[in-house]
Amino acid sequence: TDTPPELVHLEVADAVATITLDSPHNRNALSRQLVTELFAALEAARSDDSAVLVLRSADRVFCSGADLSEATEGAMEQGTRALVDLQRLIVTHPKPVVVRLAGPVRAGGLGLVASADIAICSDDVTFAFTEARLGVAPAVISLTVLARMTSRAAFDTFLTGRTFDAAEAAAMGVVTRSVPADELDDEIARVCDDLRQAHPQGLAETKALLAREVVARIDAGADDMAALSARLFASDGAREAITAFLQRR
């Protein structure tokens, strides 16, 4: 059989490992294949010559969240657990992870953004926690997202599922900062340059220090949140809402 095309690319240049999500057919949804390949790329970047990791998308959309076509097959138990592990890997990675956001992020994709150490977005990017509208909850990603956001912002955006913009995302703590779209790459280059000036041990130890509470939170809630997410995805309510959403789309 034909090997499916690679959905995640890893390139190293100038001490920066760039990990690119390239699954345009489903808007970089967190399919089993994409999550598996992203995991492998992050693991490979532990021991390469890079000092910094940049996570980005090939196309405009950064990540549309869970792969809803897989969700309707009812195989979400493994998927929810894999997303817990993926967030933990980014949070505990010895190298700093910078997210470059040039396009929309939805639902589960915000778990990747929240796990990263620094998230820079262009000012035209939009965000939404759409889970409640689909009969589920942002369970697994709450492990990292709630460590970033103010409580008021989380209640507002989680409950309504509304779309919010880059300026709001920065004010809420979802991203580090937003810059004009034509300055995004310069800003990413500047951030990487700053990070490369740090000593690898200094970076790794400082990141571990910063991440202690989030790691403790992930480990304490991993089983509960993965189980909650799997139960909700398997529920009749979610199946109805997701099927309706997929038909509208």
C-alpha atoms as a PDB file:
ATOM      1  CA  THR A   1       0.000   0.000   0.000  1.00  0.00           C
ATOM      2  CA  ASP A   2       1.077   3.604  -0.514  1.00  0.00           C
ATOM      3  CA  THR A   3       2.590   5.306   2.487  1.00  0.00           C
ATOM      4  CA  PRO A   4       0.430   8.301   3.430  1.00  0.00           C
ATOM      5  CA  PRO A   5       2.250  11.597   2.844  1.00  0.00           C
ATOM      6  CA  GLU A   6       4.157  13.027   5.793  1.00  0.00           C
ATOM      7  CA  LEU A   7       2.040  15.540   7.729  1.00  0.00           C
ATOM      8  CA  VAL A   8       4.782  16.952   9.979  1.00  0.00           C
ATOM      9  CA  HIS A   9       8.179  18.146   8.741  1.00  0.00           C
ATOM     10  CA  LEU A  10      11.294  18.781  10.818  1.00  0.00           C
ATOM     11  CA  GLU A  11      14.159  20.946   9.537  1.00  0.00           C
ATOM     12  CA  VAL A  12      17.178  22.262  11.433  1.00  0.00           C
ATOM     13  CA  ALA A  13      19.051  25.396  10.359  1.00  0.00           C
ATOM     14  CA  ASP A  14      20.998  28.028  12.316  1.00  0.00           C
ATOM     15  CA  ALA A  15      20.346  26.197  15.594  1.00  0.00           C
ATOM     16  CA  VAL A  16      16.578  26.426  15.087  1.00  0.00           C
ATOM     17  CA  ALA A  17      14.517  23.266  14.626  1.00  0.00           C
ATOM     18  CA  THR A  18      11.384  24.137  12.665  1.00  0.00           C
ATOM     19  CA  ILE A  19       8.456  21.745  13.007  1.00  0.00           C
ATOM     20  CA  THR A  20       5.815  22.363  10.344  1.00  0.00           C
ATOM     21  CA  LEU A  21       2.250  21.018  10.451  1.00  0.00           C
ATOM     22  CA  ASP A  22       1.271  20.228   6.863  1.00  0.00           C
ATOM     23  CA  SER A  23      -2.116  18.498   6.769  1.00  0.00           C
ATOM     24  CA  PRO A  24      -4.199  20.913   4.671  1.00  0.00           C
ATOM     25  CA  HIS A  25      -6.969  18.419   3.819  1.00  0.00           C
ATOM     26  CA  ASN A  26      -8.318  18.633   7.392  1.00  0.00           C
ATOM     27  CA  ARG A  27      -6.918  22.039   8.413  1.00  0.00           C
ATOM     28  CA  ASN A  28      -4.142  20.468  10.505  1.00  0.00           C
ATOM     29  CA  ALA A  29      -6.670  18.648  12.675  1.00  0.00           C
ATOM     30  CA  LEU A  30      -5.159  16.508  15.433  1.00  0.00           C
ATOM     31  CA  SER A  31      -5.544  13.198  13.624  1.00  0.00           C
ATOM     32  CA  ARG A  32      -3.782  10.092  14.900  1.00  0.00           C
ATOM     33  CA  GLN A  33      -1.200  10.402  12.122  1.00  0.00           C
ATOM     34  CA  LEU A  34      -0.473  14.094  12.753  1.00  0.00           C
ATOM     35  CA  VAL A  35      -0.181  13.627  16.532  1.00  0.00           C
ATOM     36  CA  THR A  36       2.103  10.584  16.095  1.00  0.00           C
ATOM     37  CA  GLU A  37       4.372  12.453  13.668  1.00  0.00           C
ATOM     38  CA  LEU A  38       4.430  15.603  15.820  1.00  0.00           C
ATOM     39  CA  PHE A  39       5.437  13.456  18.784  1.00  0.00           C
ATOM     40  CA  ALA A  40       8.266  11.911  16.747  1.00  0.00           C
ATOM     41  CA  ALA A  41       9.493  15.313  15.530  1.00  0.00           C
ATOM     42  CA  LEU A  42       9.563  16.710  19.078  1.00  0.00           C
ATOM     43  CA  GLU A  43      11.465  13.643  20.297  1.00  0.00           C
ATOM     44  CA  ALA A  44      13.959  13.890  17.403  1.00  0.00           C
ATOM     45  CA  ALA A  45      14.559  17.563  18.241  1.00  0.00           C
ATOM     46  CA  ARG A  46      15.748  16.615  21.749  1.00  0.00           C
ATOM     47  CA  SER A  47      19.095  15.447  20.435  1.00  0.00           C
ATOM     48  CA  ASP A  48      19.652  17.486  17.270  1.00  0.00           C
ATOM     49  CA  ASP A  49      21.848  20.583  16.925  1.00  0.00           C
ATOM     50  CA  SER A  50      19.062  23.021  17.628  1.00  0.00           C
ATOM     51  CA  ALA A  51      18.818  25.383  20.585  1.00  0.00           C
ATOM     52  CA  VAL A  52      15.220  26.434  19.909  1.00  0.00           C
ATOM     53  CA  LEU A  53      12.110  24.792  18.432  1.00  0.00           C
ATOM     54  CA  VAL A  54       9.652  26.703  16.270  1.00  0.00           C
ATOM     55  CA  LEU A  55       6.236  25.111  15.731  1.00  0.00           C
ATOM     56  CA  ARG A  56       4.324  26.482  12.736  1.00  0.00           C
ATOM     57  CA  SER A  57       1.905  25.536   9.992  1.00  0.00           C
ATOM     58  CA  ALA A  58       2.579  25.254   6.280  1.00  0.00           C
ATOM     59  CA  ASP A  59      -0.789  26.720   5.325  1.00  0.00           C
ATOM     60  CA  ARG A  60      -2.815  29.525   6.800  1.00  0.00           C
ATOM     61  CA  VAL A  61      -4.735  27.473   9.389  1.00  0.00           C
ATOM     62  CA  PHE A  62      -2.520  26.544  12.344  1.00  0.00           C
ATOM     63  CA  CYS A  63      -4.772  23.832  13.790  1.00  0.00           C
ATOM     64  CA  SER A  64      -8.516  23.199  13.685  1.00  0.00           C
ATOM     65  CA  GLY A  65      -8.588  21.005  16.809  1.00  0.00           C
ATOM     66  CA  ALA A  66      -9.652  17.393  17.170  1.00  0.00           C
ATOM     67  CA  ASP A  67     -10.131  15.385  13.983  1.00  0.00           C
ATOM     68  CA  LEU A  68     -13.943  15.246  14.097  1.00  0.00           C
ATOM     69  CA  SER A  69     -14.143  12.545  11.417  1.00  0.00           C
ATOM     70  CA  GLU A  70     -12.130  10.295  13.756  1.00  0.00           C
ATOM     71  CA  ALA A  71     -14.284  11.443  16.675  1.00  0.00           C
ATOM     72  CA  THR A  72     -17.432  10.160  14.967  1.00  0.00           C
ATOM     73  CA  GLU A  73     -15.788   6.734  14.653  1.00  0.00           C
ATOM     74  CA  GLY A  74     -15.762   6.626  18.451  1.00  0.00           C
ATOM     75  CA  ALA A  75     -12.021   6.001  18.742  1.00  0.00           C
ATOM     76  CA  MET A  76     -11.242   9.008  20.914  1.00  0.00           C
ATOM     77  CA  GLU A  77      -9.906   7.305  24.034  1.00  0.00           C
ATOM     78  CA  GLN A  78      -6.417   6.905  22.574  1.00  0.00           C
ATOM     79  CA  GLY A  79      -6.663  10.305  20.919  1.00  0.00           C
ATOM     80  CA  THR A  80      -7.480  12.172  24.111  1.00  0.00           C
ATOM     81  CA  ARG A  81      -4.637  10.459  25.959  1.00  0.00           C
ATOM     82  CA  ALA A  82      -2.222  11.201  23.119  1.00  0.00           C
ATOM     83  CA  LEU A  83      -3.094  14.907  23.332  1.00  0.00           C
ATOM     84  CA  VAL A  84      -2.338  14.877  27.077  1.00  0.00           C
ATOM     85  CA  ASP A  85       1.050  13.289  26.347  1.00  0.00           C
ATOM     86  CA  LEU A  86       1.761  15.709  23.505  1.00  0.00           C
ATOM     87  CA  GLN A  87       1.131  18.737  25.716  1.00  0.00           C
ATOM     88  CA  ARG A  88       3.316  17.235  28.434  1.00  0.00           C
ATOM     89  CA  LEU A  89       6.122  16.612  25.941  1.00  0.00           C
ATOM     90  CA  ILE A  90       6.108  20.260  24.802  1.00  0.00           C
ATOM     91  CA  VAL A  91       5.954  21.559  28.388  1.00  0.00           C
ATOM     92  CA  THR A  92       8.815  19.301  29.550  1.00  0.00           C
ATOM     93  CA  HIS A  93      10.922  19.554  26.386  1.00  0.00           C
ATOM     94  CA  PRO A  94      14.499  20.581  27.298  1.00  0.00           C
ATOM     95  CA  LYS A  95      14.492  23.238  24.582  1.00  0.00           C
ATOM     96  CA  PRO A  96      12.232  26.281  24.430  1.00  0.00           C
ATOM     97  CA  VAL A  97       9.270  25.886  22.075  1.00  0.00           C
ATOM     98  CA  VAL A  98       8.087  28.957  20.162  1.00  0.00           C
ATOM     99  CA  VAL A  99       4.770  28.860  18.305  1.00  0.00           C
ATOM    100  CA  ARG A 100       4.434  30.929  15.134  1.00  0.00           C
ATOM    101  CA  LEU A 101       0.749  31.612  14.510  1.00  0.00           C
ATOM    102  CA  ALA A 102      -0.129  33.011  11.109  1.00  0.00           C
ATOM    103  CA  GLY A 103      -3.676  31.658  10.949  1.00  0.00           C
ATOM    104  CA  PRO A 104      -6.701  30.458  12.898  1.00  0.00           C
ATOM    105  CA  VAL A 105      -6.541  28.145  15.906  1.00  0.00           C
ATOM    106  CA  ARG A 106      -9.526  26.268  17.265  1.00  0.00           C
ATOM    107  CA  ALA A 107     -10.268  24.035  20.235  1.00  0.00           C
ATOM    108  CA  GLY A 108      -7.596  21.334  20.721  1.00  0.00           C
ATOM    109  CA  GLY A 109      -5.097  23.380  18.721  1.00  0.00           C
ATOM    110  CA  LEU A 110      -5.059  25.826  21.615  1.00  0.00           C
ATOM    111  CA  GLY A 111      -3.552  23.065  23.761  1.00  0.00           C
ATOM    112  CA  LEU A 112      -0.436  23.205  21.560  1.00  0.00           C
ATOM    113  CA  VAL A 113      -0.328  27.005  21.813  1.00  0.00           C
ATOM    114  CA  ALA A 114      -0.748  26.939  25.601  1.00  0.00           C
ATOM    115  CA  SER A 115       1.931  24.248  25.995  1.00  0.00           C
ATOM    116  CA  ALA A 116       4.531  26.284  24.125  1.00  0.00           C
ATOM    117  CA  ASP A 117       6.857  28.597  26.038  1.00  0.00           C
ATOM    118  CA  ILE A 118       6.369  31.601  23.767  1.00  0.00           C
ATOM    119  CA  ALA A 119       3.510  32.122  21.297  1.00  0.00           C
ATOM    120  CA  ILE A 120       3.700  34.912  18.724  1.00  0.00           C
ATOM    121  CA  CYS A 121       0.751  35.529  16.426  1.00  0.00           C
ATOM    122  CA  SER A 122      -0.036  37.889  13.603  1.00  0.00           C
ATOM    123  CA  ASP A 123      -2.731  40.418  14.445  1.00  0.00           C
ATOM    124  CA  ASP A 124      -5.258  38.923  12.016  1.00  0.00           C
ATOM    125  CA  VAL A 125      -5.371  35.484  13.703  1.00  0.00           C
ATOM    126  CA  THR A 126      -8.633  34.310  15.275  1.00  0.00           C
ATOM    127  CA  PHE A 127      -9.211  31.875  18.116  1.00  0.00           C
ATOM    128  CA  ALA A 128     -12.145  29.898  19.545  1.00  0.00           C
ATOM    129  CA  PHE A 129     -12.806  27.178  22.102  1.00  0.00           C
ATOM    130  CA  THR A 130     -15.636  25.566  20.114  1.00  0.00           C
ATOM    131  CA  GLU A 131     -15.994  22.448  22.286  1.00  0.00           C
ATOM    132  CA  ALA A 132     -19.163  23.430  24.173  1.00  0.00           C
ATOM    133  CA  ARG A 133     -20.942  24.042  20.859  1.00  0.00           C
ATOM    134  CA  LEU A 134     -20.107  20.459  19.844  1.00  0.00           C
ATOM    135  CA  GLY A 135     -21.441  18.903  23.044  1.00  0.00           C
ATOM    136  CA  VAL A 136     -17.989  18.321  24.542  1.00  0.00           C
ATOM    137  CA  ALA A 137     -15.657  20.331  26.822  1.00  0.00           C
ATOM    138  CA  PRO A 138     -12.079  21.630  26.529  1.00  0.00           C
ATOM    139  CA  ALA A 139     -11.104  18.945  29.036  1.00  0.00           C
ATOM    140  CA  VAL A 140      -7.660  17.766  27.979  1.00  0.00           C
ATOM    141  CA  ILE A 141      -6.428  21.203  26.889  1.00  0.00           C
ATOM    142  CA  SER A 142      -7.634  22.777  30.151  1.00  0.00           C
ATOM    143  CA  LEU A 143      -4.541  21.165  31.710  1.00  0.00           C
ATOM    144  CA  THR A 144      -2.349  23.764  29.985  1.00  0.00           C
ATOM    145  CA  VAL A 145      -4.746  26.493  28.855  1.00  0.00           C
ATOM    146  CA  LEU A 146      -6.058  27.299  32.340  1.00  0.00           C
ATOM    147  CA  ALA A 147      -2.487  27.871  33.514  1.00  0.00           C
ATOM    148  CA  ARG A 148      -2.197  30.683  30.937  1.00  0.00           C
ATOM    149  CA  MET A 149      -5.539  32.500  31.011  1.00  0.00           C
ATOM    150  CA  THR A 150      -7.310  34.639  33.533  1.00  0.00           C
ATOM    151  CA  SER A 151     -10.307  32.915  35.077  1.00  0.00           C
ATOM    152  CA  ARG A 152     -12.759  35.480  33.644  1.00  0.00           C
ATOM    153  CA  ALA A 153     -11.376  35.001  30.138  1.00  0.00           C
ATOM    154  CA  ALA A 154     -11.648  31.210  30.433  1.00  0.00           C
ATOM    155  CA  PHE A 155     -15.279  31.313  31.587  1.00  0.00           C
ATOM    156  CA  ASP A 156     -16.151  33.758  28.809  1.00  0.00           C
ATOM    157  CA  THR A 157     -14.484  31.922  25.929  1.00  0.00           C
ATOM    158  CA  PHE A 158     -15.019  28.291  27.061  1.00  0.00           C
ATOM    159  CA  LEU A 159     -18.739  28.722  27.724  1.00  0.00           C
ATOM    160  CA  THR A 160     -19.698  30.810  24.698  1.00  0.00           C
ATOM    161  CA  GLY A 161     -17.400  29.213  22.135  1.00  0.00           C
ATOM    162  CA  ARG A 162     -17.184  32.649  20.519  1.00  0.00           C
ATOM    163  CA  THR A 163     -14.404  33.681  18.178  1.00  0.00           C
ATOM    164  CA  PHE A 164     -11.912  36.186  19.579  1.00  0.00           C
ATOM    165  CA  ASP A 165      -9.078  38.096  17.951  1.00  0.00           C
ATOM    166  CA  ALA A 166      -5.332  38.360  18.446  1.00  0.00           C
ATOM    167  CA  ALA A 167      -5.457  41.470  20.630  1.00  0.00           C
ATOM    168  CA  GLU A 168      -7.898  39.743  22.994  1.00  0.00           C
ATOM    169  CA  ALA A 169      -5.842  36.547  22.943  1.00  0.00           C
ATOM    170  CA  ALA A 170      -2.765  38.491  24.051  1.00  0.00           C
ATOM    171  CA  ALA A 171      -4.693  40.325  26.780  1.00  0.00           C
ATOM    172  CA  MET A 172      -6.091  36.995  28.050  1.00  0.00           C
ATOM    173  CA  GLY A 173      -2.674  35.321  28.133  1.00  0.00           C
ATOM    174  CA  VAL A 174      -3.491  32.834  25.364  1.00  0.00           C
ATOM    175  CA  VAL A 175      -0.549  34.164  23.337  1.00  0.00           C
ATOM    176  CA  THR A 176       2.586  36.040  24.377  1.00  0.00           C
ATOM    177  CA  ARG A 177       2.021  38.883  21.928  1.00  0.00           C
ATOM    178  CA  SER A 178       0.558  39.738  18.578  1.00  0.00           C
ATOM    179  CA  VAL A 179       2.370  41.676  15.860  1.00  0.00           C
ATOM    180  CA  PRO A 180       1.348  43.026  12.443  1.00  0.00           C
ATOM    181  CA  ALA A 181       1.203  40.146   9.941  1.00  0.00           C
ATOM    182  CA  ASP A 182       4.070  41.512   7.840  1.00  0.00           C
ATOM    183  CA  GLU A 183       6.326  41.610  10.926  1.00  0.00           C
ATOM    184  CA  LEU A 184       5.617  38.061  12.140  1.00  0.00           C
ATOM    185  CA  ASP A 185       8.724  36.425  10.698  1.00  0.00           C
ATOM    186  CA  ASP A 186      11.013  39.223  11.898  1.00  0.00           C
ATOM    187  CA  GLU A 187       9.569  38.874  15.388  1.00  0.00           C
ATOM    188  CA  ILE A 188      10.029  35.070  15.370  1.00  0.00           C
ATOM    189  CA  ALA A 189      13.636  35.555  14.206  1.00  0.00           C
ATOM    190  CA  ARG A 190      14.217  38.068  17.012  1.00  0.00           C
ATOM    191  CA  VAL A 191      12.768  35.720  19.647  1.00  0.00           C
ATOM    192  CA  CYS A 192      14.915  32.828  18.395  1.00  0.00           C
ATOM    193  CA  ASP A 193      17.958  35.083  18.400  1.00  0.00           C
ATOM    194  CA  ASP A 194      17.323  36.070  22.018  1.00  0.00           C
ATOM    195  CA  LEU A 195      16.846  32.438  23.042  1.00  0.00           C
ATOM    196  CA  ARG A 196      20.036  31.309  21.269  1.00  0.00           C
ATOM    197  CA  GLN A 197      22.029  33.713  23.423  1.00  0.00           C
ATOM    198  CA  ALA A 198      21.110  31.757  26.538  1.00  0.00           C
ATOM    199  CA  HIS A 199      23.237  28.807  27.682  1.00  0.00           C
ATOM    200  CA  PRO A 200      21.549  25.430  26.946  1.00  0.00           C
ATOM    201  CA  GLN A 201      21.700  24.439  30.616  1.00  0.00           C
ATOM    202  CA  GLY A 202      20.384  27.841  31.638  1.00  0.00           C
ATOM    203  CA  LEU A 203      17.477  27.477  29.230  1.00  0.00           C
ATOM    204  CA  ALA A 204      16.639  23.892  30.184  1.00  0.00           C
ATOM    205  CA  GLU A 205      16.790  24.532  33.926  1.00  0.00           C
ATOM    206  CA  THR A 206      14.879  27.801  33.735  1.00  0.00           C
ATOM    207  CA  LYS A 207      12.181  26.239  31.569  1.00  0.00           C
ATOM    208  CA  ALA A 208      11.859  23.314  34.014  1.00  0.00           C
ATOM    209  CA  LEU A 209      11.523  25.791  36.880  1.00  0.00           C
ATOM    210  CA  LEU A 210       8.811  27.739  35.038  1.00  0.00           C
ATOM    211  CA  ALA A 211       6.958  24.565  34.059  1.00  0.00           C
ATOM    212  CA  ARG A 212       6.827  22.861  37.464  1.00  0.00           C
ATOM    213  CA  GLU A 213       3.259  23.835  38.315  1.00  0.00           C
ATOM    214  CA  VAL A 214       1.917  23.042  34.845  1.00  0.00           C
ATOM    215  CA  VAL A 215       3.603  19.614  34.843  1.00  0.00           C
ATOM    216  CA  ALA A 216       2.149  18.881  38.299  1.00  0.00           C
ATOM    217  CA  ARG A 217      -1.255  19.976  37.007  1.00  0.00           C
ATOM    218  CA  ILE A 218      -1.008  17.765  33.907  1.00  0.00           C
ATOM    219  CA  ASP A 219       0.059  14.741  35.962  1.00  0.00           C
ATOM    220  CA  ALA A 220      -2.690  15.264  38.543  1.00  0.00           C
ATOM    221  CA  GLY A 221      -5.460  15.696  35.966  1.00  0.00           C
ATOM    222  CA  ALA A 222      -4.337  13.561  33.018  1.00  0.00           C
ATOM    223  CA  ASP A 223      -6.413  10.446  33.718  1.00  0.00           C
ATOM    224  CA  ASP A 224      -9.573  12.352  34.680  1.00  0.00           C
ATOM    225  CA  MET A 225      -9.456  14.747  31.754  1.00  0.00           C
ATOM    226  CA  ALA A 226      -8.676  12.056  29.164  1.00  0.00           C
ATOM    227  CA  ALA A 227     -11.548   9.932  30.516  1.00  0.00           C
ATOM    228  CA  LEU A 228     -13.942  12.911  30.596  1.00  0.00           C
ATOM    229  CA  SER A 229     -13.059  13.869  27.036  1.00  0.00           C
ATOM    230  CA  ALA A 230     -13.441  10.299  25.749  1.00  0.00           C
ATOM    231  CA  ARG A 231     -16.807   9.933  27.548  1.00  0.00           C
ATOM    232  CA  LEU A 232     -18.113  13.196  26.072  1.00  0.00           C
ATOM    233  CA  PHE A 233     -16.966  12.390  22.522  1.00  0.00           C
ATOM    234  CA  ALA A 234     -18.730   9.007  22.795  1.00  0.00           C
ATOM    235  CA  SER A 235     -21.991  10.546  24.054  1.00  0.00           C
ATOM    236  CA  ASP A 236     -25.145  10.790  21.945  1.00  0.00           C
ATOM    237  CA  GLY A 237     -25.272  14.552  22.438  1.00  0.00           C
ATOM    238  CA  ALA A 238     -21.793  15.097  21.061  1.00  0.00           C
ATOM    239  CA  ARG A 239     -22.332  12.697  18.168  1.00  0.00           C
ATOM    240  CA  GLU A 240     -25.471  14.605  17.147  1.00  0.00           C
ATOM    241  CA  ALA A 241     -23.764  17.998  17.455  1.00  0.00           C
ATOM    242  CA  ILE A 242     -20.602  16.898  15.619  1.00  0.00           C
ATOM    243  CA  THR A 243     -22.535  15.175  12.825  1.00  0.00           C
ATOM    244  CA  ALA A 244     -24.650  18.322  12.366  1.00  0.00           C
ATOM    245  CA  PHE A 245     -21.502  20.473  12.340  1.00  0.00           C
ATOM    246  CA  LEU A 246     -19.769  18.255   9.752  1.00  0.00           C
ATOM    247  CA  GLN A 247     -22.865  18.319   7.527  1.00  0.00           C
ATOM    248  CA  ARG A 248     -23.060  22.124   7.693  1.00  0.00           C
ATOM    249  CA  ARG A 249     -19.380  22.425   6.884  1.00  0.00           C
END
